[in-house]
Amino acid sequence: NQSIIIDRQEFVCSLNPDEVYVGQGGFSDYLAYVFTPKNTVVLESLTSGNAIYVFNQNWRAFSHLTKKQILSQKLHKHRIIHATGWKGDLRRAL
């Protein structure tokens, strides 16, 4: 699991985020990768079994909510499951 998690983080870093933060609230086990020119933030988990969440710049407010609240209120731009093709899905989301 550790090598998978490292691979995921390295892939997101290879997309050249401008800043990286540790998530809060329901996203405390996520890293937030900020892509300023694209007005986009990617939250990638440090735990296996979690999806990638893509937000606009309001991610800080959303990161205090639970994942259930995010999903039920459709506050995310994209939710990407780690399945075959997820890297391409993330590139397209950016």
PDB file of N, CA and C in Angstrom:
ATOM      1  N   ASN A   1       0.815  -1.208   0.000  1.00  0.00           N
ATOM      2  CA  ASN A   1       0.000   0.000   0.000  1.00  0.00           C
ATOM      3  C   ASN A   1       0.852   1.263   0.000  1.00  0.00           C
ATOM      4  N   GLN A   2       1.941   1.243   0.742  1.00  0.00           N
ATOM      5  CA  GLN A   2       2.800   2.437   0.840  1.00  0.00           C
ATOM      6  C   GLN A   2       3.324   2.847  -0.530  1.00  0.00           C
ATOM      7  N   SER A   3       3.769   1.883  -1.349  1.00  0.00           N
ATOM      8  CA  SER A   3       4.313   2.232  -2.661  1.00  0.00           C
ATOM      9  C   SER A   3       3.226   2.792  -3.577  1.00  0.00           C
ATOM     10  N   ILE A   4       2.010   2.301  -3.439  1.00  0.00           N
ATOM     11  CA  ILE A   4       0.885   2.824  -4.236  1.00  0.00           C
ATOM     12  C   ILE A   4       0.600   4.272  -3.850  1.00  0.00           C
ATOM     13  N   ILE A   5       0.577   4.540  -2.568  1.00  0.00           N
ATOM     14  CA  ILE A   5       0.303   5.898  -2.084  1.00  0.00           C
ATOM     15  C   ILE A   5       1.406   6.852  -2.529  1.00  0.00           C
ATOM     16  N   ILE A   6       2.645   6.416  -2.438  1.00  0.00           N
ATOM     17  CA  ILE A   6       3.764   7.255  -2.889  1.00  0.00           C
ATOM     18  C   ILE A   6       3.659   7.523  -4.380  1.00  0.00           C
ATOM     19  N   ASP A   7       3.326   6.496  -5.169  1.00  0.00           N
ATOM     20  CA  ASP A   7       3.166   6.670  -6.615  1.00  0.00           C
ATOM     21  C   ASP A   7       2.089   7.701  -6.917  1.00  0.00           C
ATOM     22  N   ARG A   8       0.993   7.654  -6.202  1.00  0.00           N
ATOM     23  CA  ARG A   8      -0.099   8.618  -6.430  1.00  0.00           C
ATOM     24  C   ARG A   8       0.356  10.038  -6.140  1.00  0.00           C
ATOM     25  N   GLN A   9       1.048  10.212  -5.010  1.00  0.00           N
ATOM     26  CA  GLN A   9       1.518  11.552  -4.645  1.00  0.00           C
ATOM     27  C   GLN A   9       2.552  12.058  -5.646  1.00  0.00           C
ATOM     28  N   GLU A  10       3.451  11.174  -6.071  1.00  0.00           N
ATOM     29  CA  GLU A  10       4.465  11.573  -7.052  1.00  0.00           C
ATOM     30  C   GLU A  10       3.824  11.957  -8.381  1.00  0.00           C
ATOM     31  N   PHE A  11       2.769  11.236  -8.770  1.00  0.00           N
ATOM     32  CA  PHE A  11       2.103  11.578 -10.022  1.00  0.00           C
ATOM     33  C   PHE A  11       1.484  12.969  -9.938  1.00  0.00           C
ATOM     34  N   VAL A  12       0.778  13.250  -8.859  1.00  0.00           N
ATOM     35  CA  VAL A  12       0.154  14.579  -8.729  1.00  0.00           C
ATOM     36  C   VAL A  12       1.241  15.656  -8.702  1.00  0.00           C
ATOM     37  N   CYS A  13       2.346  15.397  -8.025  1.00  0.00           N
ATOM     38  CA  CYS A  13       3.459  16.361  -8.000  1.00  0.00           C
ATOM     39  C   CYS A  13       4.041  16.579  -9.393  1.00  0.00           C
ATOM     40  N   SER A  14       4.027  15.535 -10.225  1.00  0.00           N
ATOM     41  CA  SER A  14       4.565  15.665 -11.583  1.00  0.00           C
ATOM     42  C   SER A  14       3.736  16.608 -12.448  1.00  0.00           C
ATOM     43  N   LEU A  15       2.520  16.928 -11.994  1.00  0.00           N
ATOM     44  CA  LEU A  15       1.651  17.857 -12.722  1.00  0.00           C
ATOM     45  C   LEU A  15       1.947  19.307 -12.356  1.00  0.00           C
ATOM     46  N   ASN A  16       2.950  19.504 -11.501  1.00  0.00           N
ATOM     47  CA  ASN A  16       3.470  20.829 -11.131  1.00  0.00           C
ATOM     48  C   ASN A  16       2.486  21.738 -10.388  1.00  0.00           C
ATOM     49  N   PRO A  17       2.019  21.313  -9.229  1.00  0.00           N
ATOM     50  CA  PRO A  17       1.163  22.208  -8.442  1.00  0.00           C
ATOM     51  C   PRO A  17       1.977  23.401  -7.942  1.00  0.00           C
ATOM     52  N   ASP A  18       1.281  24.493  -7.677  1.00  0.00           N
ATOM     53  CA  ASP A  18       1.936  25.705  -7.187  1.00  0.00           C
ATOM     54  C   ASP A  18       2.177  25.660  -5.682  1.00  0.00           C
ATOM     55  N   GLU A  19       1.278  24.972  -4.962  1.00  0.00           N
ATOM     56  CA  GLU A  19       1.379  24.867  -3.505  1.00  0.00           C
ATOM     57  C   GLU A  19       0.817  23.518  -3.073  1.00  0.00           C
ATOM     58  N   VAL A  20       1.217  23.083  -1.876  1.00  0.00           N
ATOM     59  CA  VAL A  20       0.700  21.841  -1.307  1.00  0.00           C
ATOM     60  C   VAL A  20       0.361  22.097   0.161  1.00  0.00           C
ATOM     61  N   TYR A  21      -0.829  21.642   0.583  1.00  0.00           N
ATOM     62  CA  TYR A  21      -1.287  21.798   1.967  1.00  0.00           C
ATOM     63  C   TYR A  21      -1.812  20.468   2.488  1.00  0.00           C
ATOM     64  N   VAL A  22      -1.883  20.359   3.807  1.00  0.00           N
ATOM     65  CA  VAL A  22      -2.516  19.208   4.440  1.00  0.00           C
ATOM     66  C   VAL A  22      -3.984  19.563   4.654  1.00  0.00           C
ATOM     67  N   GLY A  23      -4.883  18.649   4.255  1.00  0.00           N
ATOM     68  CA  GLY A  23      -6.321  18.888   4.398  1.00  0.00           C
ATOM     69  C   GLY A  23      -6.761  18.929   5.850  1.00  0.00           C
ATOM     70  N   GLN A  24      -8.001  19.383   6.062  1.00  0.00           N
ATOM     71  CA  GLN A  24      -8.570  19.502   7.404  1.00  0.00           C
ATOM     72  C   GLN A  24      -9.929  18.828   7.427  1.00  0.00           C
ATOM     73  N   GLY A  25     -10.506  18.722   8.599  1.00  0.00           N
ATOM     74  CA  GLY A  25     -11.850  18.175   8.743  1.00  0.00           C
ATOM     75  C   GLY A  25     -11.946  16.777   8.171  1.00  0.00           C
ATOM     76  N   GLY A  26     -12.924  16.558   7.308  1.00  0.00           N
ATOM     77  CA  GLY A  26     -13.130  15.264   6.681  1.00  0.00           C
ATOM     78  C   GLY A  26     -12.026  14.887   5.723  1.00  0.00           C
ATOM     79  N   PHE A  27     -11.113  15.817   5.471  1.00  0.00           N
ATOM     80  CA  PHE A  27     -10.011  15.580   4.539  1.00  0.00           C
ATOM     81  C   PHE A  27      -8.655  15.658   5.238  1.00  0.00           C
ATOM     82  N   SER A  28      -8.603  15.319   6.522  1.00  0.00           N
ATOM     83  CA  SER A  28      -7.349  15.440   7.264  1.00  0.00           C
ATOM     84  C   SER A  28      -6.280  14.457   6.800  1.00  0.00           C
ATOM     85  N   ASP A  29      -6.683  13.401   6.100  1.00  0.00           N
ATOM     86  CA  ASP A  29      -5.692  12.452   5.579  1.00  0.00           C
ATOM     87  C   ASP A  29      -5.397  12.700   4.098  1.00  0.00           C
ATOM     88  N   TYR A  30      -5.720  13.886   3.638  1.00  0.00           N
ATOM     89  CA  TYR A  30      -5.485  14.260   2.241  1.00  0.00           C
ATOM     90  C   TYR A  30      -4.437  15.357   2.155  1.00  0.00           C
ATOM     91  N   LEU A  31      -3.748  15.413   1.016  1.00  0.00           N
ATOM     92  CA  LEU A  31      -2.909  16.555   0.676  1.00  0.00           C
ATOM     93  C   LEU A  31      -3.652  17.356  -0.388  1.00  0.00           C
ATOM     94  N   ALA A  32      -3.595  18.668  -0.263  1.00  0.00           N
ATOM     95  CA  ALA A  32      -4.242  19.557  -1.225  1.00  0.00           C
ATOM     96  C   ALA A  32      -3.177  20.135  -2.140  1.00  0.00           C
ATOM     97  N   TYR A  33      -3.292  19.832  -3.417  1.00  0.00           N
ATOM     98  CA  TYR A  33      -2.364  20.323  -4.437  1.00  0.00           C
ATOM     99  C   TYR A  33      -3.056  21.467  -5.171  1.00  0.00           C
ATOM    100  N   VAL A  34      -2.508  22.663  -5.054  1.00  0.00           N
ATOM    101  CA  VAL A  34      -3.123  23.865  -5.609  1.00  0.00           C
ATOM    102  C   VAL A  34      -2.510  24.177  -6.974  1.00  0.00           C
ATOM    103  N   PHE A  35      -3.378  24.306  -7.968  1.00  0.00           N
ATOM    104  CA  PHE A  35      -2.984  24.685  -9.326  1.00  0.00           C
ATOM    105  C   PHE A  35      -3.607  26.061  -9.584  1.00  0.00           C
ATOM    106  N   THR A  36      -2.893  27.093  -9.174  1.00  0.00           N
ATOM    107  CA  THR A  36      -3.422  28.456  -9.169  1.00  0.00           C
ATOM    108  C   THR A  36      -3.918  28.934 -10.536  1.00  0.00           C
ATOM    109  N   PRO A  37      -3.132  28.821 -11.614  1.00  0.00           N
ATOM    110  CA  PRO A  37      -3.614  29.330 -12.900  1.00  0.00           C
ATOM    111  C   PRO A  37      -4.891  28.629 -13.387  1.00  0.00           C
ATOM    112  N   LYS A  38      -5.107  27.414 -12.927  1.00  0.00           N
ATOM    113  CA  LYS A  38      -6.283  26.647 -13.354  1.00  0.00           C
ATOM    114  C   LYS A  38      -7.441  26.784 -12.377  1.00  0.00           C
ATOM    115  N   ASN A  39      -7.227  27.576 -11.303  1.00  0.00           N
ATOM    116  CA  ASN A  39      -8.248  27.760 -10.277  1.00  0.00           C
ATOM    117  C   ASN A  39      -8.772  26.414  -9.778  1.00  0.00           C
ATOM    118  N   THR A  40      -7.826  25.485  -9.566  1.00  0.00           N
ATOM    119  CA  THR A  40      -8.191  24.117  -9.232  1.00  0.00           C
ATOM    120  C   THR A  40      -7.323  23.596  -8.093  1.00  0.00           C
ATOM    121  N   VAL A  41      -7.941  22.793  -7.224  1.00  0.00           N
ATOM    122  CA  VAL A  41      -7.231  22.128  -6.139  1.00  0.00           C
ATOM    123  C   VAL A  41      -7.567  20.645  -6.191  1.00  0.00           C
ATOM    124  N   VAL A  42      -6.528  19.825  -6.127  1.00  0.00           N
ATOM    125  CA  VAL A  42      -6.681  18.371  -6.138  1.00  0.00           C
ATOM    126  C   VAL A  42      -6.404  17.864  -4.733  1.00  0.00           C
ATOM    127  N   LEU A  43      -7.355  17.150  -4.146  1.00  0.00           N
ATOM    128  CA  LEU A  43      -7.136  16.519  -2.852  1.00  0.00           C
ATOM    129  C   LEU A  43      -6.900  15.039  -3.081  1.00  0.00           C
ATOM    130  N   GLU A  44      -5.699  14.587  -2.724  1.00  0.00           N
ATOM    131  CA  GLU A  44      -5.280  13.188  -2.893  1.00  0.00           C
ATOM    132  C   GLU A  44      -4.980  12.610  -1.517  1.00  0.00           C
ATOM    133  N   SER A  45      -5.497  11.425  -1.256  1.00  0.00           N
ATOM    134  CA  SER A  45      -5.407  10.819   0.066  1.00  0.00           C
ATOM    135  C   SER A  45      -4.064  10.157   0.337  1.00  0.00           C
ATOM    136  N   LEU A  46      -3.708  10.153   1.604  1.00  0.00           N
ATOM    137  CA  LEU A  46      -2.540   9.426   2.080  1.00  0.00           C
ATOM    138  C   LEU A  46      -2.930   8.027   2.556  1.00  0.00           C
ATOM    139  N   THR A  47      -4.189   7.666   2.356  1.00  0.00           N
ATOM    140  CA  THR A  47      -4.719   6.371   2.757  1.00  0.00           C
ATOM    141  C   THR A  47      -5.307   5.686   1.535  1.00  0.00           C
ATOM    142  N   SER A  48      -5.022   4.405   1.373  1.00  0.00           N
ATOM    143  CA  SER A  48      -5.592   3.698   0.220  1.00  0.00           C
ATOM    144  C   SER A  48      -7.098   3.538   0.413  1.00  0.00           C
ATOM    145  N   GLY A  49      -7.801   3.398  -0.694  1.00  0.00           N
ATOM    146  CA  GLY A  49      -9.249   3.226  -0.644  1.00  0.00           C
ATOM    147  C   GLY A  49     -10.043   4.514  -0.731  1.00  0.00           C
ATOM    148  N   ASN A  50      -9.374   5.642  -0.858  1.00  0.00           N
ATOM    149  CA  ASN A  50     -10.061   6.924  -0.968  1.00  0.00           C
ATOM    150  C   ASN A  50      -9.909   7.487  -2.379  1.00  0.00           C
ATOM    151  N   ALA A  51     -10.910   8.231  -2.801  1.00  0.00           N
ATOM    152  CA  ALA A  51     -10.913   8.840  -4.132  1.00  0.00           C
ATOM    153  C   ALA A  51     -10.162  10.166  -4.124  1.00  0.00           C
ATOM    154  N   ILE A  52      -9.906  10.659  -5.325  1.00  0.00           N
ATOM    155  CA  ILE A  52      -9.361  12.000  -5.521  1.00  0.00           C
ATOM    156  C   ILE A  52     -10.555  12.945  -5.647  1.00  0.00           C
ATOM    157  N   TYR A  53     -10.444  14.094  -5.023  1.00  0.00           N
ATOM    158  CA  TYR A  53     -11.480  15.120  -5.146  1.00  0.00           C
ATOM    159  C   TYR A  53     -10.853  16.348  -5.778  1.00  0.00           C
ATOM    160  N   VAL A  54     -11.557  16.930  -6.727  1.00  0.00           N
ATOM    161  CA  VAL A  54     -11.085  18.127  -7.415  1.00  0.00           C
ATOM    162  C   VAL A  54     -12.070  19.246  -7.099  1.00  0.00           C
ATOM    163  N   PHE A  55     -11.527  20.370  -6.640  1.00  0.00           N
ATOM    164  CA  PHE A  55     -12.330  21.527  -6.260  1.00  0.00           C
ATOM    165  C   PHE A  55     -11.829  22.771  -6.981  1.00  0.00           C
ATOM    166  N   ASN A  56     -12.640  23.839  -6.874  1.00  0.00           N
ATOM    167  CA  ASN A  56     -12.130  25.142  -7.289  1.00  0.00           C
ATOM    168  C   ASN A  56     -11.365  25.722  -6.104  1.00  0.00           C
ATOM    169  N   GLN A  57     -11.046  26.972  -6.121  1.00  0.00           N
ATOM    170  CA  GLN A  57     -10.215  27.574  -5.072  1.00  0.00           C
ATOM    171  C   GLN A  57     -10.898  27.633  -3.701  1.00  0.00           C
ATOM    172  N   ASN A  58     -12.175  27.321  -3.597  1.00  0.00           N
ATOM    173  CA  ASN A  58     -12.874  27.344  -2.307  1.00  0.00           C
ATOM    174  C   ASN A  58     -12.634  26.080  -1.497  1.00  0.00           C
ATOM    175  N   TRP A  59     -11.621  25.321  -1.822  1.00  0.00           N
ATOM    176  CA  TRP A  59     -11.372  24.039  -1.165  1.00  0.00           C
ATOM    177  C   TRP A  59     -11.208  24.161   0.340  1.00  0.00           C
ATOM    178  N   ARG A  60     -10.664  25.263   0.827  1.00  0.00           N
ATOM    179  CA  ARG A  60     -10.447  25.394   2.278  1.00  0.00           C
ATOM    180  C   ARG A  60     -11.757  25.313   3.045  1.00  0.00           C
ATOM    181  N   ALA A  61     -12.768  25.989   2.559  1.00  0.00           N
ATOM    182  CA  ALA A  61     -14.075  25.924   3.219  1.00  0.00           C
ATOM    183  C   ALA A  61     -14.651  24.511   3.139  1.00  0.00           C
ATOM    184  N   PHE A  62     -14.501  23.870   2.004  1.00  0.00           N
ATOM    185  CA  PHE A  62     -15.053  22.535   1.813  1.00  0.00           C
ATOM    186  C   PHE A  62     -14.302  21.486   2.618  1.00  0.00           C
ATOM    187  N   SER A  63     -13.014  21.714   2.863  1.00  0.00           N
ATOM    188  CA  SER A  63     -12.214  20.708   3.564  1.00  0.00           C
ATOM    189  C   SER A  63     -12.622  20.541   5.026  1.00  0.00           C
ATOM    190  N   HIS A  64     -13.414  21.457   5.550  1.00  0.00           N
ATOM    191  CA  HIS A  64     -13.908  21.342   6.921  1.00  0.00           C
ATOM    192  C   HIS A  64     -15.155  20.470   6.998  1.00  0.00           C
ATOM    193  N   LEU A  65     -15.719  20.142   5.860  1.00  0.00           N
ATOM    194  CA  LEU A  65     -16.928  19.324   5.811  1.00  0.00           C
ATOM    195  C   LEU A  65     -16.561  17.850   5.718  1.00  0.00           C
ATOM    196  N   THR A  66     -17.536  16.994   5.923  1.00  0.00           N
ATOM    197  CA  THR A  66     -17.308  15.567   5.738  1.00  0.00           C
ATOM    198  C   THR A  66     -17.422  15.236   4.254  1.00  0.00           C
ATOM    199  N   LYS A  67     -16.882  14.078   3.886  1.00  0.00           N
ATOM    200  CA  LYS A  67     -17.005  13.647   2.487  1.00  0.00           C
ATOM    201  C   LYS A  67     -18.472  13.457   2.126  1.00  0.00           C
ATOM    202  N   LYS A  68     -19.260  12.973   3.058  1.00  0.00           N
ATOM    203  CA  LYS A  68     -20.696  12.779   2.810  1.00  0.00           C
ATOM    204  C   LYS A  68     -21.368  14.112   2.472  1.00  0.00           C
ATOM    205  N   GLN A  69     -21.017  15.174   3.196  1.00  0.00           N
ATOM    206  CA  GLN A  69     -21.582  16.500   2.917  1.00  0.00           C
ATOM    207  C   GLN A  69     -21.138  16.999   1.540  1.00  0.00           C
ATOM    208  N   ILE A  70     -19.870  16.797   1.227  1.00  0.00           N
ATOM    209  CA  ILE A  70     -19.333  17.228  -0.070  1.00  0.00           C
ATOM    210  C   ILE A  70     -20.100  16.545  -1.200  1.00  0.00           C
ATOM    211  N   LEU A  71     -20.246  15.226  -1.077  1.00  0.00           N
ATOM    212  CA  LEU A  71     -20.905  14.457  -2.133  1.00  0.00           C
ATOM    213  C   LEU A  71     -22.390  14.775  -2.240  1.00  0.00           C
ATOM    214  N   SER A  72     -23.080  14.849  -1.113  1.00  0.00           N
ATOM    215  CA  SER A  72     -24.524  15.088  -1.156  1.00  0.00           C
ATOM    216  C   SER A  72     -24.865  16.484  -1.666  1.00  0.00           C
ATOM    217  N   GLN A  73     -23.993  17.458  -1.409  1.00  0.00           N
ATOM    218  CA  GLN A  73     -24.228  18.827  -1.868  1.00  0.00           C
ATOM    219  C   GLN A  73     -23.545  19.112  -3.203  1.00  0.00           C
ATOM    220  N   LYS A  74     -22.824  18.117  -3.725  1.00  0.00           N
ATOM    221  CA  LYS A  74     -22.134  18.238  -5.013  1.00  0.00           C
ATOM    222  C   LYS A  74     -21.238  19.479  -5.059  1.00  0.00           C
ATOM    223  N   LEU A  75     -20.402  19.612  -4.038  1.00  0.00           N
ATOM    224  CA  LEU A  75     -19.511  20.771  -3.926  1.00  0.00           C
ATOM    225  C   LEU A  75     -18.203  20.581  -4.677  1.00  0.00           C
ATOM    226  N   HIS A  76     -17.916  19.374  -5.096  1.00  0.00           N
ATOM    227  CA  HIS A  76     -16.685  19.066  -5.816  1.00  0.00           C
ATOM    228  C   HIS A  76     -16.907  19.208  -7.319  1.00  0.00           C
ATOM    229  N   LYS A  77     -15.819  19.483  -8.037  1.00  0.00           N
ATOM    230  CA  LYS A  77     -15.885  19.536  -9.498  1.00  0.00           C
ATOM    231  C   LYS A  77     -15.812  18.133 -10.087  1.00  0.00           C
ATOM    232  N   HIS A  78     -14.948  17.296  -9.499  1.00  0.00           N
ATOM    233  CA  HIS A  78     -14.770  15.921  -9.965  1.00  0.00           C
ATOM    234  C   HIS A  78     -14.440  15.034  -8.768  1.00  0.00           C
ATOM    235  N   ARG A  79     -14.841  13.790  -8.877  1.00  0.00           N
ATOM    236  CA  ARG A  79     -14.435  12.747  -7.935  1.00  0.00           C
ATOM    237  C   ARG A  79     -13.872  11.629  -8.794  1.00  0.00           C
ATOM    238  N   ILE A  80     -12.613  11.291  -8.554  1.00  0.00           N
ATOM    239  CA  ILE A  80     -11.928  10.311  -9.400  1.00  0.00           C
ATOM    240  C   ILE A  80     -11.560   9.097  -8.554  1.00  0.00           C
ATOM    241  N   ILE A  81     -12.087   7.953  -8.944  1.00  0.00           N
ATOM    242  CA  ILE A  81     -11.786   6.700  -8.271  1.00  0.00           C
ATOM    243  C   ILE A  81     -10.460   6.173  -8.801  1.00  0.00           C
ATOM    244  N   HIS A  82      -9.647   5.621  -7.921  1.00  0.00           N
ATOM    245  CA  HIS A  82      -8.363   5.037  -8.336  1.00  0.00           C
ATOM    246  C   HIS A  82      -8.609   3.692  -9.017  1.00  0.00           C
ATOM    247  N   ALA A  83      -8.964   3.756 -10.257  1.00  0.00           N
ATOM    248  CA  ALA A  83      -9.165   2.572 -11.091  1.00  0.00           C
ATOM    249  C   ALA A  83      -8.367   2.789 -12.367  1.00  0.00           C
ATOM    250  N   THR A  84      -8.361   1.800 -13.222  1.00  0.00           N
ATOM    251  CA  THR A  84      -7.636   1.918 -14.487  1.00  0.00           C
ATOM    252  C   THR A  84      -8.005   3.229 -15.172  1.00  0.00           C
ATOM    253  N   GLY A  85      -6.994   3.999 -15.538  1.00  0.00           N
ATOM    254  CA  GLY A  85      -7.214   5.255 -16.241  1.00  0.00           C
ATOM    255  C   GLY A  85      -7.346   6.476 -15.356  1.00  0.00           C
ATOM    256  N   TRP A  86      -7.150   6.329 -14.048  1.00  0.00           N
ATOM    257  CA  TRP A  86      -7.362   7.478 -13.163  1.00  0.00           C
ATOM    258  C   TRP A  86      -6.391   8.622 -13.451  1.00  0.00           C
ATOM    259  N   LYS A  87      -5.183   8.301 -13.875  1.00  0.00           N
ATOM    260  CA  LYS A  87      -4.217   9.367 -14.163  1.00  0.00           C
ATOM    261  C   LYS A  87      -4.682  10.221 -15.345  1.00  0.00           C
ATOM    262  N   GLY A  88      -5.210   9.593 -16.372  1.00  0.00           N
ATOM    263  CA  GLY A  88      -5.759  10.329 -17.510  1.00  0.00           C
ATOM    264  C   GLY A  88      -6.977  11.144 -17.091  1.00  0.00           C
ATOM    265  N   ASP A  89      -7.816  10.567 -16.225  1.00  0.00           N
ATOM    266  CA  ASP A  89      -8.986  11.293 -15.727  1.00  0.00           C
ATOM    267  C   ASP A  89      -8.556  12.552 -14.983  1.00  0.00           C
ATOM    268  N   LEU A  90      -7.500  12.428 -14.195  1.00  0.00           N
ATOM    269  CA  LEU A  90      -7.028  13.597 -13.440  1.00  0.00           C
ATOM    270  C   LEU A  90      -6.446  14.653 -14.379  1.00  0.00           C
ATOM    271  N   ARG A  91      -5.685  14.223 -15.351  1.00  0.00           N
ATOM    272  CA  ARG A  91      -5.143  15.194 -16.326  1.00  0.00           C
ATOM    273  C   ARG A  91      -6.280  15.947 -17.006  1.00  0.00           C
ATOM    274  N   ARG A  92      -7.314  15.234 -17.407  1.00  0.00           N
ATOM    275  CA  ARG A  92      -8.461  15.894 -18.063  1.00  0.00           C
ATOM    276  C   ARG A  92      -9.180  16.846 -17.111  1.00  0.00           C
ATOM    277  N   ALA A  93      -9.254  16.496 -15.842  1.00  0.00           N
ATOM    278  CA  ALA A  93      -9.918  17.357 -14.855  1.00  0.00           C
ATOM    279  C   ALA A  93      -9.172  18.664 -14.656  1.00  0.00           C
ATOM    280  N   LEU A  94      -7.860  18.607 -14.885  1.00  0.00           N
ATOM    281  CA  LEU A  94      -7.055  19.824 -14.736  1.00  0.00           C
ATOM    282  C   LEU A  94      -7.091  20.650 -16.010  1.00  0.00           C
TER     283      LEU A  94
END
